[in-house]
Amino acid sequence: METGYVLAVLAAMAIVTFALRAIPFLTAQWLRHNPLVRHLERFLPLAIMTLLTAHSLVGLSGQHDAPPWPELLAVALTILAQWRTKNPLLSIAIGSIVYVAIRNYVLI
């Protein structure tokens, strides 16, 4: 390939990457006061977590022949841990550890 072409492609990629990184900072003032963004800020995290949980439950329970009780137990313990501790990292760790333990040591 021609060196000039490769350099031009690299420069274009660098400009696009920099622009994509800079857009949130350049539009921050407008985004802070936009009603749509404020609405999404309140409801989107819960919606994303709900979709990820549902997708994980359906996907994981389809990988083995056993009933989906390991997934349901892990999710229930994660919800309980989050409710009691209000610590997302701890809650996710508890649910993950319980699920892995059940799948590796109970359902052999």
N, C-alpha and C. Protein backbone atom coordinates (compact mmCIF):
# COMPACT_ATOMS: atom_id res chain seq x y z
N MET A 1 0.83 -1.18 0.00
CA MET A 1 0.00 0.00 0.00
C MET A 1 0.87 1.24 0.00
N GLU A 2 0.28 2.27 -0.43
CA GLU A 2 0.97 3.55 -0.50
C GLU A 2 1.01 4.21 0.88
N THR A 3 2.16 4.75 1.23
CA THR A 3 2.35 5.34 2.56
C THR A 3 1.43 6.53 2.79
N GLY A 4 1.24 7.35 1.79
CA GLY A 4 0.36 8.50 1.92
C GLY A 4 -1.07 8.10 2.21
N TYR A 5 -1.53 7.04 1.57
CA TYR A 5 -2.89 6.54 1.80
C TYR A 5 -3.05 6.04 3.24
N VAL A 6 -2.08 5.28 3.72
CA VAL A 6 -2.13 4.75 5.08
C VAL A 6 -2.13 5.90 6.09
N LEU A 7 -1.30 6.91 5.88
CA LEU A 7 -1.25 8.06 6.77
C LEU A 7 -2.57 8.84 6.75
N ALA A 8 -3.16 8.97 5.57
CA ALA A 8 -4.44 9.67 5.47
C ALA A 8 -5.55 8.92 6.20
N VAL A 9 -5.56 7.61 6.08
CA VAL A 9 -6.56 6.80 6.78
C VAL A 9 -6.35 6.89 8.29
N LEU A 10 -5.12 6.82 8.75
CA LEU A 10 -4.83 6.95 10.17
C LEU A 10 -5.23 8.33 10.70
N ALA A 11 -4.96 9.37 9.91
CA ALA A 11 -5.35 10.73 10.32
C ALA A 11 -6.86 10.86 10.41
N ALA A 12 -7.57 10.30 9.44
CA ALA A 12 -9.03 10.36 9.47
C ALA A 12 -9.58 9.61 10.68
N MET A 13 -9.01 8.46 10.97
CA MET A 13 -9.45 7.70 12.14
C MET A 13 -9.18 8.46 13.43
N ALA A 14 -8.03 9.12 13.50
CA ALA A 14 -7.69 9.89 14.70
C ALA A 14 -8.65 11.07 14.87
N ILE A 15 -8.98 11.74 13.80
CA ILE A 15 -9.90 12.89 13.87
C ILE A 15 -11.28 12.44 14.32
N VAL A 16 -11.78 11.36 13.74
CA VAL A 16 -13.11 10.86 14.12
C VAL A 16 -13.11 10.41 15.57
N THR A 17 -12.07 9.70 16.00
CA THR A 17 -12.00 9.24 17.38
C THR A 17 -11.95 10.42 18.34
N PHE A 18 -11.14 11.42 18.04
CA PHE A 18 -11.05 12.60 18.91
C PHE A 18 -12.39 13.33 18.96
N ALA A 19 -13.04 13.48 17.80
CA ALA A 19 -14.33 14.18 17.76
C ALA A 19 -15.39 13.44 18.59
N LEU A 20 -15.42 12.12 18.49
CA LEU A 20 -16.39 11.35 19.27
C LEU A 20 -16.14 11.48 20.76
N ARG A 21 -14.88 11.57 21.15
CA ARG A 21 -14.55 11.74 22.57
C ARG A 21 -14.86 13.16 23.04
N ALA A 22 -14.75 14.14 22.16
CA ALA A 22 -14.93 15.55 22.54
C ALA A 22 -16.39 15.99 22.58
N ILE A 23 -17.24 15.34 21.82
CA ILE A 23 -18.65 15.76 21.72
C ILE A 23 -19.34 15.86 23.08
N PRO A 24 -19.22 14.87 23.98
CA PRO A 24 -19.90 15.02 25.28
C PRO A 24 -19.43 16.25 26.07
N PHE A 25 -18.15 16.57 25.98
CA PHE A 25 -17.64 17.73 26.71
C PHE A 25 -18.10 19.04 26.08
N LEU A 26 -18.20 19.04 24.76
CA LEU A 26 -18.62 20.26 24.07
C LEU A 26 -20.12 20.52 24.25
N THR A 27 -20.88 19.47 24.42
CA THR A 27 -22.34 19.62 24.54
C THR A 27 -22.84 19.49 25.98
N ALA A 28 -21.93 19.43 26.94
CA ALA A 28 -22.32 19.19 28.34
C ALA A 28 -23.28 20.25 28.86
N GLN A 29 -23.03 21.50 28.55
CA GLN A 29 -23.89 22.58 29.05
C GLN A 29 -25.32 22.41 28.52
N TRP A 30 -25.46 22.08 27.25
CA TRP A 30 -26.79 21.90 26.66
C TRP A 30 -27.45 20.64 27.23
N LEU A 31 -26.68 19.57 27.38
CA LEU A 31 -27.24 18.31 27.87
C LEU A 31 -27.73 18.41 29.31
N ARG A 32 -27.05 19.22 30.13
CA ARG A 32 -27.44 19.35 31.53
C ARG A 32 -28.85 19.91 31.69
N HIS A 33 -29.28 20.73 30.77
CA HIS A 33 -30.58 21.39 30.89
C HIS A 33 -31.64 20.82 29.96
N ASN A 34 -31.32 19.80 29.21
CA ASN A 34 -32.27 19.21 28.27
C ASN A 34 -33.24 18.32 29.03
N PRO A 35 -34.57 18.54 28.86
CA PRO A 35 -35.55 17.73 29.60
C PRO A 35 -35.52 16.24 29.23
N LEU A 36 -35.26 15.93 27.98
CA LEU A 36 -35.19 14.53 27.56
C LEU A 36 -34.03 13.82 28.25
N VAL A 37 -32.89 14.46 28.30
CA VAL A 37 -31.72 13.86 28.95
C VAL A 37 -31.99 13.69 30.44
N ARG A 38 -32.63 14.65 31.05
CA ARG A 38 -32.95 14.54 32.48
C ARG A 38 -33.92 13.38 32.74
N HIS A 39 -34.87 13.19 31.83
CA HIS A 39 -35.81 12.07 31.96
C HIS A 39 -35.07 10.73 31.81
N LEU A 40 -34.21 10.63 30.80
CA LEU A 40 -33.45 9.41 30.58
C LEU A 40 -32.50 9.13 31.73
N GLU A 41 -31.96 10.19 32.32
CA GLU A 41 -31.05 10.05 33.45
C GLU A 41 -31.72 9.35 34.63
N ARG A 42 -33.01 9.55 34.77
CA ARG A 42 -33.73 8.94 35.89
C ARG A 42 -34.14 7.50 35.63
N PHE A 43 -34.52 7.16 34.40
CA PHE A 43 -35.13 5.86 34.14
C PHE A 43 -34.27 4.88 33.35
N LEU A 44 -33.28 5.34 32.63
CA LEU A 44 -32.50 4.45 31.78
C LEU A 44 -31.66 3.44 32.55
N PRO A 45 -30.98 3.81 33.65
CA PRO A 45 -30.19 2.79 34.36
C PRO A 45 -31.02 1.59 34.81
N LEU A 46 -32.20 1.82 35.34
CA LEU A 46 -33.06 0.71 35.77
C LEU A 46 -33.49 -0.13 34.58
N ALA A 47 -33.84 0.51 33.48
CA ALA A 47 -34.27 -0.23 32.29
C ALA A 47 -33.13 -1.09 31.74
N ILE A 48 -31.93 -0.54 31.71
CA ILE A 48 -30.78 -1.30 31.20
C ILE A 48 -30.49 -2.50 32.10
N MET A 49 -30.51 -2.30 33.41
CA MET A 49 -30.24 -3.42 34.32
C MET A 49 -31.32 -4.49 34.21
N THR A 50 -32.57 -4.09 34.04
CA THR A 50 -33.66 -5.05 33.88
C THR A 50 -33.47 -5.88 32.61
N LEU A 51 -33.13 -5.22 31.51
CA LEU A 51 -32.91 -5.94 30.26
C LEU A 51 -31.71 -6.87 30.35
N LEU A 52 -30.62 -6.42 30.97
CA LEU A 52 -29.46 -7.29 31.11
C LEU A 52 -29.76 -8.51 31.97
N THR A 53 -30.53 -8.31 33.03
CA THR A 53 -30.89 -9.43 33.90
C THR A 53 -31.78 -10.42 33.16
N ALA A 54 -32.78 -9.92 32.47
CA ALA A 54 -33.68 -10.81 31.72
C ALA A 54 -32.91 -11.58 30.65
N HIS A 55 -32.04 -10.89 29.94
CA HIS A 55 -31.25 -11.55 28.90
C HIS A 55 -30.33 -12.61 29.50
N SER A 56 -29.72 -12.31 30.63
CA SER A 56 -28.84 -13.29 31.28
C SER A 56 -29.62 -14.51 31.74
N LEU A 57 -30.78 -14.28 32.33
CA LEU A 57 -31.58 -15.41 32.81
C LEU A 57 -31.98 -16.32 31.67
N VAL A 58 -32.47 -15.76 30.60
CA VAL A 58 -32.93 -16.57 29.47
C VAL A 58 -31.74 -17.26 28.81
N GLY A 59 -30.65 -16.53 28.61
CA GLY A 59 -29.48 -17.10 27.94
C GLY A 59 -28.81 -18.19 28.75
N LEU A 60 -28.62 -17.95 30.04
CA LEU A 60 -27.94 -18.92 30.89
C LEU A 60 -28.78 -20.16 31.13
N SER A 61 -30.08 -19.99 31.33
CA SER A 61 -30.92 -21.16 31.60
C SER A 61 -31.06 -22.04 30.37
N GLY A 62 -30.82 -21.50 29.19
CA GLY A 62 -30.88 -22.30 27.97
C GLY A 62 -29.62 -23.10 27.70
N GLN A 63 -28.57 -22.90 28.51
CA GLN A 63 -27.31 -23.59 28.27
C GLN A 63 -27.21 -24.95 28.93
N HIS A 64 -28.17 -25.29 29.76
CA HIS A 64 -28.13 -26.60 30.42
C HIS A 64 -29.54 -27.18 30.48
N ASP A 65 -29.61 -28.47 30.80
CA ASP A 65 -30.90 -29.16 30.79
C ASP A 65 -31.66 -29.02 32.11
N ALA A 66 -31.00 -28.56 33.15
CA ALA A 66 -31.65 -28.43 34.46
C ALA A 66 -32.66 -27.29 34.44
N PRO A 67 -33.62 -27.34 35.35
CA PRO A 67 -34.56 -26.21 35.45
C PRO A 67 -33.80 -24.93 35.80
N PRO A 68 -34.41 -23.78 35.61
CA PRO A 68 -33.68 -22.52 35.79
C PRO A 68 -33.54 -22.07 37.25
N TRP A 69 -33.58 -22.99 38.20
CA TRP A 69 -33.51 -22.58 39.60
C TRP A 69 -32.17 -21.97 40.00
N PRO A 70 -31.01 -22.37 39.44
CA PRO A 70 -29.77 -21.70 39.84
C PRO A 70 -29.78 -20.21 39.49
N GLU A 71 -30.28 -19.90 38.31
CA GLU A 71 -30.34 -18.50 37.88
C GLU A 71 -31.31 -17.70 38.76
N LEU A 72 -32.47 -18.29 39.02
CA LEU A 72 -33.47 -17.59 39.84
C LEU A 72 -32.97 -17.39 41.27
N LEU A 73 -32.29 -18.40 41.82
CA LEU A 73 -31.75 -18.26 43.17
C LEU A 73 -30.67 -17.18 43.22
N ALA A 74 -29.79 -17.15 42.23
CA ALA A 74 -28.73 -16.14 42.20
C ALA A 74 -29.31 -14.74 42.07
N VAL A 75 -30.32 -14.57 41.23
CA VAL A 75 -30.96 -13.26 41.09
C VAL A 75 -31.67 -12.87 42.38
N ALA A 76 -32.36 -13.82 42.99
CA ALA A 76 -33.06 -13.51 44.25
C ALA A 76 -32.08 -13.10 45.34
N LEU A 77 -30.95 -13.79 45.44
CA LEU A 77 -29.95 -13.43 46.44
C LEU A 77 -29.30 -12.08 46.12
N THR A 78 -29.11 -11.79 44.85
CA THR A 78 -28.56 -10.49 44.46
C THR A 78 -29.51 -9.37 44.85
N ILE A 79 -30.80 -9.57 44.60
CA ILE A 79 -31.80 -8.56 44.96
C ILE A 79 -31.86 -8.39 46.48
N LEU A 80 -31.84 -9.49 47.20
CA LEU A 80 -31.87 -9.43 48.66
C LEU A 80 -30.63 -8.72 49.21
N ALA A 81 -29.46 -9.05 48.67
CA ALA A 81 -28.23 -8.41 49.12
C ALA A 81 -28.25 -6.92 48.82
N GLN A 82 -28.74 -6.54 47.66
CA GLN A 82 -28.82 -5.12 47.31
C GLN A 82 -29.80 -4.39 48.23
N TRP A 83 -30.89 -5.03 48.52
CA TRP A 83 -31.90 -4.42 49.40
C TRP A 83 -31.34 -4.21 50.81
N ARG A 84 -30.59 -5.19 51.30
CA ARG A 84 -30.06 -5.12 52.67
C ARG A 84 -28.82 -4.24 52.78
N THR A 85 -27.90 -4.33 51.80
CA THR A 85 -26.61 -3.64 51.94
C THR A 85 -26.53 -2.33 51.17
N LYS A 86 -27.33 -2.18 50.14
CA LYS A 86 -27.27 -1.00 49.25
C LYS A 86 -25.88 -0.86 48.61
N ASN A 87 -25.20 -1.98 48.42
CA ASN A 87 -23.87 -1.99 47.83
C ASN A 87 -23.91 -2.82 46.55
N PRO A 88 -23.97 -2.18 45.38
CA PRO A 88 -24.12 -2.93 44.12
C PRO A 88 -22.99 -3.91 43.86
N LEU A 89 -21.76 -3.52 44.17
CA LEU A 89 -20.63 -4.41 43.91
C LEU A 89 -20.73 -5.68 44.75
N LEU A 90 -21.06 -5.52 46.01
CA LEU A 90 -21.22 -6.68 46.89
C LEU A 90 -22.39 -7.56 46.44
N SER A 91 -23.49 -6.94 46.05
CA SER A 91 -24.66 -7.69 45.60
C SER A 91 -24.36 -8.51 44.36
N ILE A 92 -23.70 -7.90 43.40
CA ILE A 92 -23.35 -8.61 42.16
C ILE A 92 -22.37 -9.74 42.46
N ALA A 93 -21.41 -9.47 43.35
CA ALA A 93 -20.44 -10.51 43.71
C ALA A 93 -21.13 -11.70 44.37
N ILE A 94 -22.05 -11.43 45.28
CA ILE A 94 -22.78 -12.52 45.96
C ILE A 94 -23.56 -13.35 44.95
N GLY A 95 -24.32 -12.69 44.08
CA GLY A 95 -25.09 -13.42 43.07
C GLY A 95 -24.21 -14.23 42.14
N SER A 96 -23.10 -13.66 41.72
CA SER A 96 -22.19 -14.36 40.81
C SER A 96 -21.54 -15.56 41.48
N ILE A 97 -21.08 -15.37 42.71
CA ILE A 97 -20.44 -16.47 43.44
C ILE A 97 -21.42 -17.61 43.67
N VAL A 98 -22.63 -17.29 44.07
CA VAL A 98 -23.64 -18.32 44.30
C VAL A 98 -23.95 -19.07 43.00
N TYR A 99 -24.11 -18.34 41.91
CA TYR A 99 -24.42 -18.99 40.64
C TYR A 99 -23.29 -19.91 40.19
N VAL A 100 -22.06 -19.41 40.26
CA VAL A 100 -20.92 -20.23 39.84
C VAL A 100 -20.77 -21.46 40.74
N ALA A 101 -20.97 -21.27 42.03
CA ALA A 101 -20.87 -22.42 42.94
C ALA A 101 -21.92 -23.47 42.64
N ILE A 102 -23.15 -23.04 42.42
CA ILE A 102 -24.22 -24.00 42.11
C ILE A 102 -23.92 -24.73 40.80
N ARG A 103 -23.54 -23.97 39.78
CA ARG A 103 -23.30 -24.59 38.48
C ARG A 103 -22.09 -25.53 38.49
N ASN A 104 -21.08 -25.21 39.28
CA ASN A 104 -19.86 -26.02 39.26
C ASN A 104 -19.83 -27.13 40.30
N TYR A 105 -20.53 -26.97 41.41
CA TYR A 105 -20.41 -27.95 42.48
C TYR A 105 -21.72 -28.69 42.80
N VAL A 106 -22.85 -28.09 42.50
CA VAL A 106 -24.13 -28.75 42.78
C VAL A 106 -24.63 -29.47 41.53
N LEU A 107 -24.60 -28.79 40.40
CA LEU A 107 -25.08 -29.38 39.14
C LEU A 107 -23.89 -29.95 38.36
N ILE A 108 -23.37 -31.04 38.80
CA ILE A 108 -22.21 -31.63 38.12
C ILE A 108 -22.65 -32.55 37.02
